[in-house]
């Protein structure tokens, strides 16, 4: 018999696996990988640019992972540094080809979210995301007790 914990833990793990597979599948057509999605999305929605440090915080990844991702996207000509400075503090921007891929990624994200949420009303979707945020905040607060 599954308890609430097993259902919660199992569903969170399975959702994460599905998300990773979808990212991998969708990004292959651009010669990219799943870990490129969030960097592209954050840079695309921040036209004033972001530093690698800011991307690390937003993507909730470690510095090394973001650094590798940024290097790969620069090599592919999809992002560039402000004034060609190559420092961790310089702003990063989407190139024109990066902007085109960003737009296509957004179209796919919208379609996949619509598919994932089909059968739910807008109110149910809002409740779901609100509930997820409350649960996450509560669990983070619980973990903070161990850090202190």
N, C-alpha and C. Protein backbone atom coordinates (compact mmCIF):
# COMPACT_ATOMS: atom_id res chain seq x y z
N UNK A 1 0.84 -1.18 0.00
CA UNK A 1 0.00 0.00 0.00
C UNK A 1 0.89 1.25 0.00
N UNK A 2 0.62 2.16 -0.95
CA UNK A 2 1.39 3.40 -1.02
C UNK A 2 0.85 4.41 -0.03
N UNK A 3 1.76 4.98 0.72
CA UNK A 3 1.38 6.07 1.61
C UNK A 3 1.60 7.39 0.88
N UNK A 4 1.21 8.45 1.49
CA UNK A 4 1.37 9.77 0.88
C UNK A 4 2.84 10.04 0.57
N UNK A 5 3.75 9.62 1.45
CA UNK A 5 5.18 9.84 1.20
C UNK A 5 5.65 9.12 -0.06
N UNK A 6 5.30 7.83 -0.19
CA UNK A 6 5.72 7.08 -1.38
C UNK A 6 5.14 7.68 -2.65
N UNK A 7 3.88 8.09 -2.60
CA UNK A 7 3.26 8.72 -3.77
C UNK A 7 3.96 10.03 -4.12
N UNK A 8 4.22 10.85 -3.09
CA UNK A 8 4.87 12.13 -3.32
C UNK A 8 6.27 11.93 -3.89
N UNK A 9 7.07 11.12 -3.20
CA UNK A 9 8.46 10.90 -3.62
C UNK A 9 8.52 10.27 -5.01
N UNK A 10 7.69 9.27 -5.24
CA UNK A 10 7.68 8.60 -6.53
C UNK A 10 7.25 9.52 -7.66
N UNK A 11 6.23 10.33 -7.42
CA UNK A 11 5.75 11.25 -8.45
C UNK A 11 6.76 12.35 -8.75
N UNK A 12 7.41 12.87 -7.72
CA UNK A 12 8.43 13.91 -7.93
C UNK A 12 9.59 13.34 -8.76
N UNK A 13 10.05 12.13 -8.42
CA UNK A 13 11.13 11.51 -9.18
C UNK A 13 10.72 11.23 -10.62
N UNK A 14 9.52 10.72 -10.80
CA UNK A 14 9.05 10.41 -12.15
C UNK A 14 8.83 11.67 -12.98
N UNK A 15 8.30 12.73 -12.36
CA UNK A 15 8.15 14.00 -13.07
C UNK A 15 9.52 14.53 -13.51
N UNK A 16 10.51 14.44 -12.64
CA UNK A 16 11.85 14.90 -12.99
C UNK A 16 12.42 14.09 -14.15
N UNK A 17 12.25 12.78 -14.12
CA UNK A 17 12.73 11.93 -15.22
C UNK A 17 12.04 12.30 -16.53
N UNK A 18 10.73 12.49 -16.48
CA UNK A 18 9.99 12.89 -17.68
C UNK A 18 10.49 14.22 -18.21
N UNK A 19 10.68 15.17 -17.33
CA UNK A 19 11.15 16.49 -17.73
C UNK A 19 12.52 16.39 -18.40
N UNK A 20 13.43 15.62 -17.82
CA UNK A 20 14.76 15.46 -18.40
C UNK A 20 14.68 14.81 -19.78
N UNK A 21 13.86 13.77 -19.92
CA UNK A 21 13.72 13.10 -21.22
C UNK A 21 13.13 14.04 -22.26
N UNK A 22 12.15 14.83 -21.87
CA UNK A 22 11.54 15.79 -22.80
C UNK A 22 12.57 16.83 -23.22
N UNK A 23 13.33 17.35 -22.26
CA UNK A 23 14.37 18.33 -22.58
C UNK A 23 15.38 17.73 -23.55
N UNK A 24 15.84 16.50 -23.25
CA UNK A 24 16.81 15.83 -24.14
C UNK A 24 16.24 15.68 -25.54
N UNK A 25 15.02 15.16 -25.63
CA UNK A 25 14.38 14.92 -26.92
C UNK A 25 14.22 16.22 -27.70
N UNK A 26 13.70 17.24 -27.06
CA UNK A 26 13.43 18.50 -27.74
C UNK A 26 14.71 19.24 -28.15
N UNK A 27 15.76 19.13 -27.36
CA UNK A 27 16.99 19.87 -27.66
C UNK A 27 17.86 19.19 -28.71
N UNK A 28 17.68 17.89 -28.90
CA UNK A 28 18.50 17.18 -29.90
C UNK A 28 18.39 17.78 -31.28
N UNK A 29 17.22 18.28 -31.64
CA UNK A 29 17.04 18.84 -32.98
C UNK A 29 17.90 20.08 -33.21
N UNK A 30 18.39 20.68 -32.14
CA UNK A 30 19.26 21.86 -32.25
C UNK A 30 20.72 21.51 -31.96
N UNK A 31 20.99 20.23 -31.76
CA UNK A 31 22.34 19.80 -31.41
C UNK A 31 22.71 20.19 -30.00
N UNK A 32 21.71 20.36 -29.15
CA UNK A 32 21.94 20.78 -27.77
C UNK A 32 21.49 19.70 -26.81
N UNK A 33 21.72 19.95 -25.52
CA UNK A 33 21.36 18.97 -24.50
C UNK A 33 20.40 19.58 -23.49
N UNK A 34 19.85 18.74 -22.64
CA UNK A 34 18.85 19.16 -21.66
C UNK A 34 19.35 20.29 -20.77
N UNK A 35 20.63 20.24 -20.39
CA UNK A 35 21.15 21.26 -19.47
C UNK A 35 21.25 22.65 -20.11
N UNK A 36 21.06 22.74 -21.42
CA UNK A 36 21.11 24.03 -22.10
C UNK A 36 19.77 24.79 -22.01
N UNK A 37 18.69 24.06 -21.73
CA UNK A 37 17.35 24.65 -21.78
C UNK A 37 17.21 25.85 -20.85
N UNK A 38 17.51 25.67 -19.59
CA UNK A 38 17.25 26.72 -18.61
C UNK A 38 18.14 27.95 -18.84
N UNK A 39 19.39 27.74 -19.24
CA UNK A 39 20.26 28.88 -19.52
C UNK A 39 19.69 29.67 -20.69
N UNK A 40 19.26 28.98 -21.74
CA UNK A 40 18.66 29.65 -22.89
C UNK A 40 17.39 30.40 -22.48
N UNK A 41 16.56 29.77 -21.67
CA UNK A 41 15.30 30.39 -21.25
C UNK A 41 15.56 31.65 -20.41
N UNK A 42 16.47 31.56 -19.44
CA UNK A 42 16.74 32.72 -18.60
C UNK A 42 17.40 33.86 -19.39
N UNK A 43 18.33 33.53 -20.27
CA UNK A 43 18.95 34.59 -21.07
C UNK A 43 17.94 35.21 -22.03
N UNK A 44 17.07 34.38 -22.58
CA UNK A 44 16.06 34.89 -23.51
C UNK A 44 15.05 35.80 -22.86
N UNK A 45 14.79 35.58 -21.60
CA UNK A 45 13.80 36.41 -20.91
C UNK A 45 14.45 37.57 -20.15
N UNK A 46 15.77 37.72 -20.28
CA UNK A 46 16.49 38.83 -19.64
C UNK A 46 17.37 39.51 -20.69
N UNK A 47 16.77 40.38 -21.47
CA UNK A 47 17.49 41.02 -22.58
C UNK A 47 18.66 41.88 -22.11
N UNK A 48 18.64 42.30 -20.84
CA UNK A 48 19.75 43.10 -20.32
C UNK A 48 20.96 42.22 -20.00
N UNK A 49 20.81 40.90 -20.19
CA UNK A 49 21.90 39.97 -19.97
C UNK A 49 21.98 39.50 -18.53
N UNK A 50 22.68 38.41 -18.33
CA UNK A 50 22.89 37.84 -17.01
C UNK A 50 24.33 37.37 -16.90
N UNK A 51 24.87 37.42 -15.70
CA UNK A 51 26.21 36.87 -15.47
C UNK A 51 26.09 35.37 -15.22
N UNK A 52 27.20 34.69 -15.30
CA UNK A 52 27.21 33.26 -14.97
C UNK A 52 26.77 33.04 -13.53
N UNK A 53 27.16 33.94 -12.66
CA UNK A 53 26.76 33.85 -11.26
C UNK A 53 25.24 33.94 -11.12
N UNK A 54 24.63 34.88 -11.84
CA UNK A 54 23.18 35.01 -11.80
C UNK A 54 22.50 33.76 -12.39
N UNK A 55 23.06 33.23 -13.47
CA UNK A 55 22.52 32.01 -14.07
C UNK A 55 22.61 30.84 -13.10
N UNK A 56 23.71 30.76 -12.36
CA UNK A 56 23.89 29.70 -11.38
C UNK A 56 22.76 29.73 -10.36
N UNK A 57 22.43 30.92 -9.89
CA UNK A 57 21.36 31.08 -8.91
C UNK A 57 20.00 30.75 -9.53
N UNK A 58 19.73 31.30 -10.70
CA UNK A 58 18.43 31.10 -11.33
C UNK A 58 18.21 29.64 -11.74
N UNK A 59 19.23 29.01 -12.29
CA UNK A 59 19.11 27.63 -12.77
C UNK A 59 19.17 26.60 -11.64
N UNK A 60 19.57 27.06 -10.47
CA UNK A 60 19.70 26.17 -9.31
C UNK A 60 20.67 25.03 -9.61
N UNK A 61 21.78 25.41 -10.24
CA UNK A 61 22.85 24.47 -10.60
C UNK A 61 24.14 24.93 -9.93
N UNK A 62 25.12 24.04 -9.91
CA UNK A 62 26.40 24.46 -9.35
C UNK A 62 27.19 25.25 -10.40
N UNK A 63 28.16 25.99 -9.91
CA UNK A 63 28.94 26.90 -10.75
C UNK A 63 29.62 26.16 -11.91
N UNK A 64 30.16 25.00 -11.65
CA UNK A 64 30.87 24.24 -12.68
C UNK A 64 29.92 23.80 -13.80
N UNK A 65 28.73 23.36 -13.44
CA UNK A 65 27.76 22.92 -14.45
C UNK A 65 27.34 24.08 -15.34
N UNK A 66 27.08 25.23 -14.73
CA UNK A 66 26.69 26.41 -15.52
C UNK A 66 27.86 26.86 -16.39
N UNK A 67 29.05 26.81 -15.87
CA UNK A 67 30.23 27.21 -16.63
C UNK A 67 30.40 26.32 -17.87
N UNK A 68 30.23 25.01 -17.71
CA UNK A 68 30.32 24.09 -18.85
C UNK A 68 29.23 24.40 -19.87
N UNK A 69 28.02 24.62 -19.39
CA UNK A 69 26.90 24.91 -20.27
C UNK A 69 27.15 26.20 -21.05
N UNK A 70 27.59 27.24 -20.35
CA UNK A 70 27.88 28.52 -20.99
C UNK A 70 28.96 28.35 -22.05
N UNK A 71 30.02 27.63 -21.73
CA UNK A 71 31.11 27.40 -22.69
C UNK A 71 30.59 26.69 -23.94
N UNK A 72 29.75 25.69 -23.75
CA UNK A 72 29.19 24.96 -24.89
C UNK A 72 28.31 25.86 -25.75
N UNK A 73 27.50 26.69 -25.11
CA UNK A 73 26.61 27.57 -25.86
C UNK A 73 27.39 28.67 -26.59
N UNK A 74 28.49 29.13 -26.00
CA UNK A 74 29.36 30.10 -26.67
C UNK A 74 30.00 29.43 -27.89
N UNK A 75 30.51 28.22 -27.71
CA UNK A 75 31.12 27.48 -28.82
C UNK A 75 30.14 27.28 -29.97
N UNK A 76 28.87 27.07 -29.64
CA UNK A 76 27.84 26.87 -30.67
C UNK A 76 27.33 28.18 -31.24
N UNK A 77 27.84 29.31 -30.75
CA UNK A 77 27.45 30.61 -31.27
C UNK A 77 26.06 31.05 -30.85
N UNK A 78 25.55 30.49 -29.77
CA UNK A 78 24.19 30.81 -29.33
C UNK A 78 24.15 31.90 -28.26
N UNK A 79 25.26 32.07 -27.55
CA UNK A 79 25.36 33.15 -26.58
C UNK A 79 26.74 33.78 -26.70
N UNK A 80 26.87 34.98 -26.15
CA UNK A 80 28.15 35.67 -26.17
C UNK A 80 28.30 36.52 -24.92
N UNK A 81 29.56 36.86 -24.62
CA UNK A 81 29.88 37.72 -23.48
C UNK A 81 29.76 39.17 -23.87
N UNK A 82 29.41 40.01 -22.91
CA UNK A 82 29.39 41.45 -23.10
C UNK A 82 30.80 41.92 -23.42
N UNK A 83 30.96 42.63 -24.52
CA UNK A 83 32.25 43.20 -24.92
C UNK A 83 33.35 42.15 -24.99
N UNK A 84 32.99 40.91 -25.27
CA UNK A 84 33.94 39.79 -25.39
C UNK A 84 34.80 39.60 -24.15
N UNK A 85 34.34 40.10 -23.01
CA UNK A 85 35.04 39.82 -21.76
C UNK A 85 34.76 38.37 -21.39
N UNK A 86 35.76 37.67 -20.97
CA UNK A 86 35.55 36.27 -20.60
C UNK A 86 35.77 36.09 -19.11
N UNK A 87 34.94 36.75 -18.34
CA UNK A 87 35.02 36.62 -16.90
C UNK A 87 33.70 36.13 -16.36
N UNK A 88 33.73 35.60 -15.18
CA UNK A 88 32.52 35.08 -14.54
C UNK A 88 31.52 36.19 -14.27
N UNK A 89 32.00 37.45 -14.20
CA UNK A 89 31.13 38.58 -13.88
C UNK A 89 30.58 39.30 -15.10
N UNK A 90 31.04 38.96 -16.29
CA UNK A 90 30.56 39.66 -17.47
C UNK A 90 29.17 39.16 -17.85
N UNK A 91 28.40 40.05 -18.45
CA UNK A 91 27.04 39.72 -18.86
C UNK A 91 27.07 38.80 -20.09
N UNK A 92 26.11 37.90 -20.11
CA UNK A 92 25.93 36.99 -21.25
C UNK A 92 24.62 37.34 -21.93
N UNK A 93 24.60 37.17 -23.25
CA UNK A 93 23.43 37.48 -24.05
C UNK A 93 23.21 36.39 -25.09
N UNK A 94 21.97 36.26 -25.55
CA UNK A 94 21.69 35.37 -26.67
C UNK A 94 22.13 36.04 -27.97
N UNK A 95 22.75 35.27 -28.84
CA UNK A 95 23.05 35.77 -30.18
C UNK A 95 21.76 35.73 -31.00
N UNK A 96 21.82 36.19 -32.24
CA UNK A 96 20.63 36.14 -33.09
C UNK A 96 20.17 34.70 -33.31
N UNK A 97 21.11 33.79 -33.55
CA UNK A 97 20.71 32.38 -33.71
C UNK A 97 20.21 31.81 -32.39
N UNK A 98 20.76 32.27 -31.28
CA UNK A 98 20.28 31.85 -29.97
C UNK A 98 18.86 32.32 -29.72
N UNK A 99 18.55 33.54 -30.17
CA UNK A 99 17.20 34.08 -30.02
C UNK A 99 16.19 33.27 -30.84
N UNK A 100 16.59 32.84 -32.01
CA UNK A 100 15.70 32.02 -32.84
C UNK A 100 15.39 30.69 -32.17
N UNK A 101 16.42 30.06 -31.61
CA UNK A 101 16.21 28.79 -30.91
C UNK A 101 15.39 29.02 -29.65
N UNK A 102 15.65 30.12 -28.94
CA UNK A 102 14.88 30.47 -27.75
C UNK A 102 13.39 30.56 -28.09
N UNK A 103 13.05 31.19 -29.18
CA UNK A 103 11.64 31.32 -29.59
C UNK A 103 11.03 29.95 -29.86
N UNK A 104 11.77 29.08 -30.52
CA UNK A 104 11.27 27.72 -30.80
C UNK A 104 11.13 26.92 -29.51
N UNK A 105 12.07 27.09 -28.59
CA UNK A 105 11.98 26.40 -27.30
C UNK A 105 10.72 26.86 -26.56
N UNK A 106 10.45 28.15 -26.58
CA UNK A 106 9.25 28.68 -25.92
C UNK A 106 7.98 28.08 -26.50
N UNK A 107 7.93 27.96 -27.82
CA UNK A 107 6.77 27.36 -28.46
C UNK A 107 6.57 25.92 -27.98
N UNK A 108 7.65 25.17 -27.89
CA UNK A 108 7.58 23.77 -27.45
C UNK A 108 7.21 23.70 -25.97
N UNK A 109 7.76 24.57 -25.16
CA UNK A 109 7.43 24.59 -23.73
C UNK A 109 5.94 24.85 -23.55
N UNK A 110 5.41 25.83 -24.27
CA UNK A 110 3.98 26.13 -24.17
C UNK A 110 3.14 24.92 -24.56
N UNK A 111 3.51 24.26 -25.65
CA UNK A 111 2.75 23.10 -26.12
C UNK A 111 2.83 21.95 -25.12
N UNK A 112 4.00 21.72 -24.56
CA UNK A 112 4.18 20.61 -23.62
C UNK A 112 3.46 20.90 -22.30
N UNK A 113 3.51 22.15 -21.84
CA UNK A 113 2.77 22.51 -20.63
C UNK A 113 1.27 22.35 -20.85
N UNK A 114 0.79 22.72 -22.03
CA UNK A 114 -0.64 22.56 -22.33
C UNK A 114 -1.01 21.08 -22.32
N UNK A 115 -0.15 20.25 -22.89
CA UNK A 115 -0.39 18.81 -22.89
C UNK A 115 -0.37 18.26 -21.47
N UNK A 116 0.64 18.64 -20.70
CA UNK A 116 0.76 18.15 -19.33
C UNK A 116 -0.40 18.57 -18.45
N UNK A 117 -0.94 19.74 -18.70
CA UNK A 117 -2.04 20.25 -17.89
C UNK A 117 -3.42 19.99 -18.47
N UNK A 118 -3.47 19.24 -19.57
CA UNK A 118 -4.78 18.99 -20.17
C UNK A 118 -5.64 18.19 -19.19
N UNK A 119 -6.90 18.55 -19.15
CA UNK A 119 -7.81 17.91 -18.21
C UNK A 119 -7.93 18.67 -16.89
N UNK A 120 -7.11 19.71 -16.73
CA UNK A 120 -7.19 20.54 -15.52
C UNK A 120 -7.72 21.91 -15.91
N UNK A 121 -8.50 22.49 -15.03
CA UNK A 121 -8.95 23.86 -15.23
C UNK A 121 -7.80 24.81 -14.88
N UNK A 122 -7.92 26.07 -15.27
CA UNK A 122 -6.91 27.06 -14.90
C UNK A 122 -6.80 27.18 -13.39
N UNK A 123 -7.94 27.12 -12.71
CA UNK A 123 -7.94 27.20 -11.25
C UNK A 123 -7.18 26.01 -10.65
N UNK A 124 -7.39 24.82 -11.17
CA UNK A 124 -6.69 23.63 -10.66
C UNK A 124 -5.19 23.75 -10.92
N UNK A 125 -4.80 24.29 -12.06
CA UNK A 125 -3.38 24.50 -12.35
C UNK A 125 -2.77 25.49 -11.36
N UNK A 126 -3.49 26.58 -11.07
CA UNK A 126 -3.00 27.57 -10.12
C UNK A 126 -2.84 26.96 -8.73
N UNK A 127 -3.82 26.15 -8.32
CA UNK A 127 -3.75 25.49 -7.02
C UNK A 127 -2.56 24.53 -6.99
N UNK A 128 -2.35 23.79 -8.07
CA UNK A 128 -1.23 22.85 -8.14
C UNK A 128 0.10 23.57 -7.95
N UNK A 129 0.33 24.63 -8.71
CA UNK A 129 1.60 25.33 -8.62
C UNK A 129 1.76 26.05 -7.28
N UNK A 130 0.69 26.58 -6.76
CA UNK A 130 0.74 27.19 -5.44
C UNK A 130 1.10 26.12 -4.39
N UNK A 131 0.45 24.98 -4.46
CA UNK A 131 0.71 23.89 -3.51
C UNK A 131 2.15 23.42 -3.60
N UNK A 132 2.64 23.29 -4.82
CA UNK A 132 4.02 22.85 -5.01
C UNK A 132 4.99 23.85 -4.37
N UNK A 133 4.72 25.14 -4.54
CA UNK A 133 5.58 26.17 -3.96
C UNK A 133 5.54 26.14 -2.44
N UNK A 134 4.36 25.94 -1.86
CA UNK A 134 4.23 25.87 -0.40
C UNK A 134 5.00 24.66 0.13
N UNK A 135 4.84 23.52 -0.52
CA UNK A 135 5.55 22.30 -0.09
C UNK A 135 7.05 22.51 -0.16
N UNK A 136 7.52 23.07 -1.27
CA UNK A 136 8.95 23.31 -1.43
C UNK A 136 9.47 24.27 -0.37
N UNK A 137 8.76 25.35 -0.12
CA UNK A 137 9.17 26.30 0.92
C UNK A 137 9.23 25.64 2.28
N UNK A 138 8.22 24.86 2.62
CA UNK A 138 8.20 24.17 3.91
C UNK A 138 9.37 23.20 4.05
N UNK A 139 9.68 22.46 2.98
CA UNK A 139 10.79 21.51 3.04
C UNK A 139 12.14 22.24 3.13
N UNK A 140 12.27 23.35 2.43
CA UNK A 140 13.50 24.15 2.54
C UNK A 140 13.68 24.68 3.95
N UNK A 141 12.58 25.15 4.54
CA UNK A 141 12.64 25.65 5.92
C UNK A 141 13.05 24.54 6.88
N UNK A 142 12.52 23.36 6.68
CA UNK A 142 12.88 22.21 7.51
C UNK A 142 14.37 21.91 7.38
N UNK A 143 14.89 21.94 6.15
CA UNK A 143 16.31 21.66 5.94
C UNK A 143 17.21 22.75 6.52
N UNK A 144 16.74 23.97 6.56
CA UNK A 144 17.52 25.06 7.13
C UNK A 144 17.83 24.83 8.60
N UNK A 145 16.95 24.13 9.28
CA UNK A 145 17.18 23.82 10.68
C UNK A 145 18.46 23.00 10.87
N UNK A 146 18.78 22.16 9.88
CA UNK A 146 19.98 21.33 9.97
C UNK A 146 21.23 22.13 9.66
N UNK A 147 21.09 23.17 8.83
CA UNK A 147 22.23 24.02 8.47
C UNK A 147 22.65 24.92 9.61
N UNK A 148 21.70 25.21 10.51
CA UNK A 148 22.00 26.12 11.63
C UNK A 148 22.63 25.40 12.80
